[in-house]
């Protein structure tokens, strides 16, 4: 797997292999799901791993969050993301970093610090 770290946002990007939608792959599996499970265990039925940075080839654990598919769909809306006042750890998001894909990352925990 060929990866590259984004020093600005803290993303760990899978450059190859990737599927036609841009998701990183590890064998036949989606790379972000594999990495999430390595840290947190099996993904429960009905849940998906959301990319907070909106970069589908990112495998940075701090950028991945387990949510329902319904919540994942809601998060695709920029106005909804822009209204977010705090990250999941309670840090202020008024000066959040914004990726070119429209993801908003907490400056405190977005690069992996918690």
N, C-alpha and C. Protein backbone atom coordinates (compact mmCIF):
# COMPACT_ATOMS: atom_id res chain seq x y z
N UNK A 1 0.86 -1.17 0.00
CA UNK A 1 0.00 0.00 0.00
C UNK A 1 0.91 1.23 0.00
N UNK A 2 0.64 2.14 -0.90
CA UNK A 2 1.40 3.38 -1.03
C UNK A 2 0.60 4.47 -0.32
N UNK A 3 1.18 5.06 0.77
CA UNK A 3 0.48 6.10 1.53
C UNK A 3 1.32 7.37 1.61
N UNK A 4 0.64 8.48 1.91
CA UNK A 4 1.31 9.76 2.07
C UNK A 4 0.62 10.52 3.20
N UNK A 5 1.40 11.13 4.08
CA UNK A 5 0.83 11.92 5.18
C UNK A 5 0.70 13.38 4.73
N UNK A 6 -0.46 13.95 4.97
CA UNK A 6 -0.71 15.36 4.70
C UNK A 6 -0.31 16.13 5.96
N UNK A 7 0.77 16.89 5.88
CA UNK A 7 1.29 17.58 7.06
C UNK A 7 0.41 18.74 7.52
N UNK A 8 -0.46 19.22 6.67
CA UNK A 8 -1.36 20.32 7.04
C UNK A 8 -2.55 19.82 7.85
N UNK A 9 -3.23 18.79 7.35
CA UNK A 9 -4.45 18.31 7.98
C UNK A 9 -4.26 17.04 8.81
N UNK A 10 -3.14 16.37 8.67
CA UNK A 10 -2.90 15.15 9.42
C UNK A 10 -3.52 13.91 8.78
N UNK A 11 -4.04 14.04 7.57
CA UNK A 11 -4.60 12.88 6.87
C UNK A 11 -3.47 11.91 6.52
N UNK A 12 -3.78 10.63 6.55
CA UNK A 12 -2.90 9.61 6.02
C UNK A 12 -3.63 9.07 4.81
N UNK A 13 -3.14 9.43 3.63
CA UNK A 13 -3.85 9.16 2.38
C UNK A 13 -3.30 7.94 1.67
N UNK A 14 -4.20 7.04 1.30
CA UNK A 14 -3.83 5.89 0.49
C UNK A 14 -3.77 6.38 -0.95
N UNK A 15 -2.58 6.33 -1.54
CA UNK A 15 -2.42 6.76 -2.93
C UNK A 15 -2.72 5.63 -3.89
N UNK A 16 -2.35 4.43 -3.50
CA UNK A 16 -2.70 3.24 -4.28
C UNK A 16 -2.54 2.02 -3.41
N UNK A 17 -3.32 1.01 -3.60
CA UNK A 17 -4.42 0.92 -4.57
C UNK A 17 -5.66 1.65 -4.07
N UNK A 18 -6.43 2.15 -5.05
CA UNK A 18 -7.70 2.81 -4.78
C UNK A 18 -8.74 2.27 -5.74
N UNK A 19 -10.00 2.30 -5.30
CA UNK A 19 -11.06 1.84 -6.18
C UNK A 19 -11.56 2.98 -7.06
N UNK A 20 -12.55 2.74 -7.88
CA UNK A 20 -13.03 3.75 -8.84
C UNK A 20 -13.66 4.96 -8.16
N UNK A 21 -14.07 4.81 -6.89
CA UNK A 21 -14.64 5.93 -6.15
C UNK A 21 -13.59 6.68 -5.34
N UNK A 22 -12.33 6.23 -5.41
CA UNK A 22 -11.24 6.91 -4.71
C UNK A 22 -10.91 6.36 -3.34
N UNK A 23 -11.66 5.37 -2.87
CA UNK A 23 -11.39 4.78 -1.56
C UNK A 23 -10.13 3.92 -1.62
N UNK A 24 -9.29 4.03 -0.57
CA UNK A 24 -8.12 3.17 -0.46
C UNK A 24 -8.54 1.73 -0.21
N UNK A 25 -7.76 0.80 -0.70
CA UNK A 25 -8.07 -0.62 -0.56
C UNK A 25 -6.91 -1.35 0.11
N UNK A 26 -7.24 -2.33 0.91
CA UNK A 26 -6.29 -3.31 1.43
C UNK A 26 -6.88 -4.64 1.01
N UNK A 27 -6.30 -5.21 -0.03
CA UNK A 27 -6.90 -6.40 -0.63
C UNK A 27 -8.25 -6.03 -1.19
N UNK A 28 -9.26 -6.79 -0.79
CA UNK A 28 -10.63 -6.52 -1.27
C UNK A 28 -11.40 -5.60 -0.34
N UNK A 29 -10.79 -5.21 0.77
CA UNK A 29 -11.50 -4.42 1.78
C UNK A 29 -11.16 -2.93 1.68
N UNK A 30 -12.07 -2.12 2.16
CA UNK A 30 -11.84 -0.68 2.22
C UNK A 30 -10.83 -0.40 3.33
N UNK A 31 -9.79 0.35 2.99
CA UNK A 31 -8.67 0.57 3.91
C UNK A 31 -9.10 1.28 5.19
N UNK A 32 -10.02 2.25 5.10
CA UNK A 32 -10.42 2.96 6.31
C UNK A 32 -11.16 2.05 7.29
N UNK A 33 -11.90 1.09 6.78
CA UNK A 33 -12.59 0.14 7.65
C UNK A 33 -11.59 -0.80 8.32
N UNK A 34 -10.60 -1.25 7.56
CA UNK A 34 -9.56 -2.13 8.11
C UNK A 34 -8.83 -1.41 9.24
N UNK A 35 -8.41 -0.17 9.00
CA UNK A 35 -7.66 0.59 10.01
C UNK A 35 -8.52 0.87 11.23
N UNK A 36 -9.79 1.21 11.03
CA UNK A 36 -10.68 1.45 12.16
C UNK A 36 -10.79 0.20 13.02
N UNK A 37 -10.99 -0.95 12.39
CA UNK A 37 -11.14 -2.20 13.13
C UNK A 37 -9.86 -2.61 13.85
N UNK A 38 -8.70 -2.28 13.31
CA UNK A 38 -7.44 -2.58 13.99
C UNK A 38 -7.36 -1.89 15.35
N UNK A 39 -7.94 -0.71 15.44
CA UNK A 39 -7.89 0.07 16.68
C UNK A 39 -9.10 -0.20 17.59
N UNK A 40 -10.30 -0.25 17.00
CA UNK A 40 -11.53 -0.28 17.78
C UNK A 40 -12.27 -1.61 17.77
N UNK A 41 -11.84 -2.56 16.99
CA UNK A 41 -12.56 -3.83 16.89
C UNK A 41 -13.60 -3.80 15.78
N UNK A 42 -14.39 -4.84 15.74
CA UNK A 42 -15.37 -5.02 14.66
C UNK A 42 -16.37 -3.87 14.60
N UNK A 43 -16.76 -3.54 13.39
CA UNK A 43 -17.76 -2.51 13.15
C UNK A 43 -19.14 -3.15 13.31
N UNK A 44 -19.95 -2.62 14.25
CA UNK A 44 -21.26 -3.23 14.48
C UNK A 44 -22.17 -3.15 13.24
N UNK A 45 -23.06 -4.11 13.15
CA UNK A 45 -24.06 -4.14 12.08
C UNK A 45 -24.82 -2.82 12.05
N UNK A 46 -25.01 -2.27 10.87
CA UNK A 46 -25.78 -1.04 10.70
C UNK A 46 -24.98 0.24 10.89
N UNK A 47 -23.68 0.11 11.18
CA UNK A 47 -22.83 1.28 11.38
C UNK A 47 -21.84 1.40 10.23
N UNK A 48 -21.38 2.62 9.97
CA UNK A 48 -20.39 2.89 8.94
C UNK A 48 -19.29 3.76 9.54
N UNK A 49 -18.14 3.78 8.88
CA UNK A 49 -17.03 4.61 9.32
C UNK A 49 -17.02 5.88 8.47
N UNK A 50 -17.23 7.02 9.12
CA UNK A 50 -17.30 8.31 8.44
C UNK A 50 -15.92 8.98 8.45
N UNK A 51 -15.59 9.64 7.36
CA UNK A 51 -14.36 10.43 7.26
C UNK A 51 -14.70 11.87 7.66
N UNK A 52 -14.23 12.31 8.81
CA UNK A 52 -14.50 13.68 9.25
C UNK A 52 -13.87 14.69 8.30
N UNK A 53 -12.77 14.30 7.67
CA UNK A 53 -12.06 15.18 6.73
C UNK A 53 -12.70 15.16 5.34
N UNK A 54 -13.65 14.26 5.12
CA UNK A 54 -14.35 14.06 3.84
C UNK A 54 -13.43 13.52 2.76
N UNK A 55 -12.22 13.10 3.10
CA UNK A 55 -11.28 12.54 2.12
C UNK A 55 -11.42 11.02 2.19
N UNK A 56 -12.01 10.43 1.16
CA UNK A 56 -12.37 9.01 1.20
C UNK A 56 -11.17 8.08 1.19
N UNK A 57 -9.99 8.58 0.87
CA UNK A 57 -8.81 7.72 0.90
C UNK A 57 -7.97 7.94 2.16
N UNK A 58 -8.52 8.66 3.15
CA UNK A 58 -7.82 8.91 4.41
C UNK A 58 -8.04 7.75 5.38
N UNK A 59 -6.95 7.33 6.04
CA UNK A 59 -7.04 6.26 7.03
C UNK A 59 -6.54 6.72 8.41
N UNK A 60 -6.42 8.03 8.62
CA UNK A 60 -6.00 8.56 9.93
C UNK A 60 -7.09 8.26 10.95
N UNK A 61 -6.73 7.55 12.01
CA UNK A 61 -7.71 7.14 13.01
C UNK A 61 -8.46 8.34 13.60
N UNK A 62 -7.78 9.46 13.83
CA UNK A 62 -8.44 10.64 14.40
C UNK A 62 -9.48 11.23 13.47
N UNK A 63 -9.46 10.86 12.19
CA UNK A 63 -10.41 11.39 11.20
C UNK A 63 -11.56 10.44 10.94
N UNK A 64 -11.56 9.29 11.58
CA UNK A 64 -12.58 8.27 11.34
C UNK A 64 -13.51 8.16 12.55
N UNK A 65 -14.81 8.14 12.28
CA UNK A 65 -15.78 8.06 13.37
C UNK A 65 -16.90 7.11 12.98
N UNK A 66 -17.29 6.27 13.91
CA UNK A 66 -18.36 5.32 13.70
C UNK A 66 -19.71 6.02 13.85
N UNK A 67 -20.54 5.93 12.81
CA UNK A 67 -21.87 6.56 12.82
C UNK A 67 -22.85 5.66 12.07
N UNK A 68 -24.13 5.98 12.19
CA UNK A 68 -25.12 5.27 11.38
C UNK A 68 -25.01 5.77 9.95
N UNK A 69 -25.50 5.00 9.01
CA UNK A 69 -25.50 5.44 7.61
C UNK A 69 -26.33 6.71 7.46
N UNK A 70 -27.42 6.79 8.21
CA UNK A 70 -28.28 7.98 8.16
C UNK A 70 -27.48 9.23 8.59
N UNK A 71 -26.71 9.12 9.68
CA UNK A 71 -25.88 10.25 10.14
C UNK A 71 -24.81 10.57 9.11
N UNK A 72 -24.22 9.55 8.51
CA UNK A 72 -23.19 9.76 7.49
C UNK A 72 -23.77 10.58 6.32
N UNK A 73 -24.99 10.26 5.92
CA UNK A 73 -25.63 11.00 4.83
C UNK A 73 -25.90 12.45 5.23
N UNK A 74 -26.34 12.67 6.48
CA UNK A 74 -26.58 14.04 6.95
C UNK A 74 -25.30 14.86 6.95
N UNK A 75 -24.19 14.21 7.30
CA UNK A 75 -22.91 14.91 7.39
C UNK A 75 -22.37 15.35 6.04
N UNK A 76 -22.93 14.88 4.97
CA UNK A 76 -22.48 15.29 3.65
C UNK A 76 -22.88 16.73 3.34
N UNK A 77 -23.78 17.28 4.14
CA UNK A 77 -24.27 18.64 3.93
C UNK A 77 -23.29 19.66 4.53
N UNK A 78 -22.76 20.57 3.68
CA UNK A 78 -21.84 21.60 4.18
C UNK A 78 -22.52 22.50 5.23
N UNK A 79 -23.74 22.99 5.02
CA UNK A 79 -24.34 23.84 6.04
C UNK A 79 -24.41 23.16 7.41
N UNK A 80 -24.68 21.86 7.42
CA UNK A 80 -24.73 21.13 8.69
C UNK A 80 -23.35 21.09 9.33
N UNK A 81 -22.32 20.77 8.54
CA UNK A 81 -20.95 20.72 9.08
C UNK A 81 -20.49 22.10 9.55
N UNK A 82 -20.87 23.14 8.83
CA UNK A 82 -20.44 24.49 9.17
C UNK A 82 -21.05 24.97 10.50
N UNK A 83 -22.20 24.43 10.88
CA UNK A 83 -22.85 24.83 12.13
C UNK A 83 -22.25 24.14 13.36
N UNK A 84 -21.41 23.15 13.16
CA UNK A 84 -20.85 22.40 14.28
C UNK A 84 -20.02 23.32 15.18
N UNK A 85 -20.37 23.38 16.45
CA UNK A 85 -19.71 24.28 17.40
C UNK A 85 -18.55 23.60 18.13
N UNK A 86 -18.65 22.28 18.36
CA UNK A 86 -17.62 21.55 19.10
C UNK A 86 -17.34 20.22 18.42
N UNK A 87 -16.11 19.73 18.57
CA UNK A 87 -15.78 18.39 18.08
C UNK A 87 -16.31 17.37 19.09
N UNK A 88 -16.16 16.10 18.80
CA UNK A 88 -16.69 15.06 19.69
C UNK A 88 -16.00 15.04 21.05
N UNK A 89 -14.84 15.71 21.17
CA UNK A 89 -14.12 15.78 22.45
C UNK A 89 -14.38 17.10 23.18
N UNK A 90 -15.28 17.94 22.63
CA UNK A 90 -15.67 19.18 23.28
C UNK A 90 -14.81 20.39 22.95
N UNK A 91 -13.88 20.27 22.00
CA UNK A 91 -13.05 21.41 21.62
C UNK A 91 -13.82 22.36 20.71
N UNK A 92 -13.49 23.65 20.82
CA UNK A 92 -14.12 24.69 20.01
C UNK A 92 -13.81 24.48 18.52
N UNK A 93 -14.82 24.56 17.67
CA UNK A 93 -14.65 24.36 16.24
C UNK A 93 -14.78 25.66 15.45
N UNK A 94 -14.78 26.81 16.12
CA UNK A 94 -14.95 28.08 15.40
C UNK A 94 -13.78 28.37 14.45
N UNK A 95 -12.60 27.81 14.75
CA UNK A 95 -11.45 28.01 13.86
C UNK A 95 -11.01 26.68 13.24
N UNK A 96 -11.97 25.82 12.94
CA UNK A 96 -11.69 24.50 12.39
C UNK A 96 -10.91 24.58 11.08
N UNK A 97 -10.07 23.57 10.85
CA UNK A 97 -9.39 23.45 9.56
C UNK A 97 -10.39 22.90 8.56
N UNK A 98 -10.34 23.38 7.33
CA UNK A 98 -11.27 22.92 6.30
C UNK A 98 -10.46 22.34 5.14
N UNK A 99 -10.72 21.06 4.83
CA UNK A 99 -10.04 20.41 3.71
C UNK A 99 -10.67 20.87 2.40
N UNK A 100 -9.98 20.63 1.30
CA UNK A 100 -10.51 21.04 -0.01
C UNK A 100 -11.80 20.28 -0.34
N UNK A 101 -12.00 19.13 0.31
CA UNK A 101 -13.23 18.35 0.11
C UNK A 101 -14.38 18.84 0.99
N UNK A 102 -14.11 19.85 1.83
CA UNK A 102 -15.15 20.42 2.69
C UNK A 102 -15.24 19.79 4.06
N UNK A 103 -14.28 18.98 4.43
CA UNK A 103 -14.27 18.41 5.77
C UNK A 103 -13.79 19.46 6.77
N UNK A 104 -14.35 19.41 7.97
CA UNK A 104 -13.93 20.33 9.03
C UNK A 104 -13.27 19.50 10.12
N UNK A 105 -12.03 19.88 10.47
CA UNK A 105 -11.26 19.16 11.46
C UNK A 105 -10.91 20.06 12.63
N UNK A 106 -11.08 19.53 13.82
CA UNK A 106 -10.70 20.24 15.04
C UNK A 106 -9.19 20.47 15.03
N UNK A 107 -8.77 21.67 15.33
CA UNK A 107 -7.34 21.98 15.35
C UNK A 107 -6.63 21.25 16.49
N UNK A 108 -7.34 20.91 17.56
CA UNK A 108 -6.73 20.21 18.68
C UNK A 108 -6.60 18.73 18.42
N UNK A 109 -7.65 18.08 17.95
CA UNK A 109 -7.55 16.62 17.76
C UNK A 109 -7.54 16.18 16.32
N UNK A 110 -7.64 17.09 15.37
CA UNK A 110 -7.67 16.75 13.95
C UNK A 110 -6.40 16.10 13.43
N UNK A 111 -5.26 16.38 14.03
CA UNK A 111 -4.03 15.78 13.58
C UNK A 111 -3.64 14.58 14.43
N UNK A 112 -4.59 14.07 15.19
CA UNK A 112 -4.33 12.86 15.96
C UNK A 112 -4.17 13.10 17.44
N UNK A 113 -4.06 14.35 17.89
CA UNK A 113 -3.96 14.61 19.32
C UNK A 113 -5.35 14.56 19.92
N UNK A 114 -5.42 14.08 21.15
CA UNK A 114 -6.72 14.04 21.84
C UNK A 114 -6.57 14.59 23.23
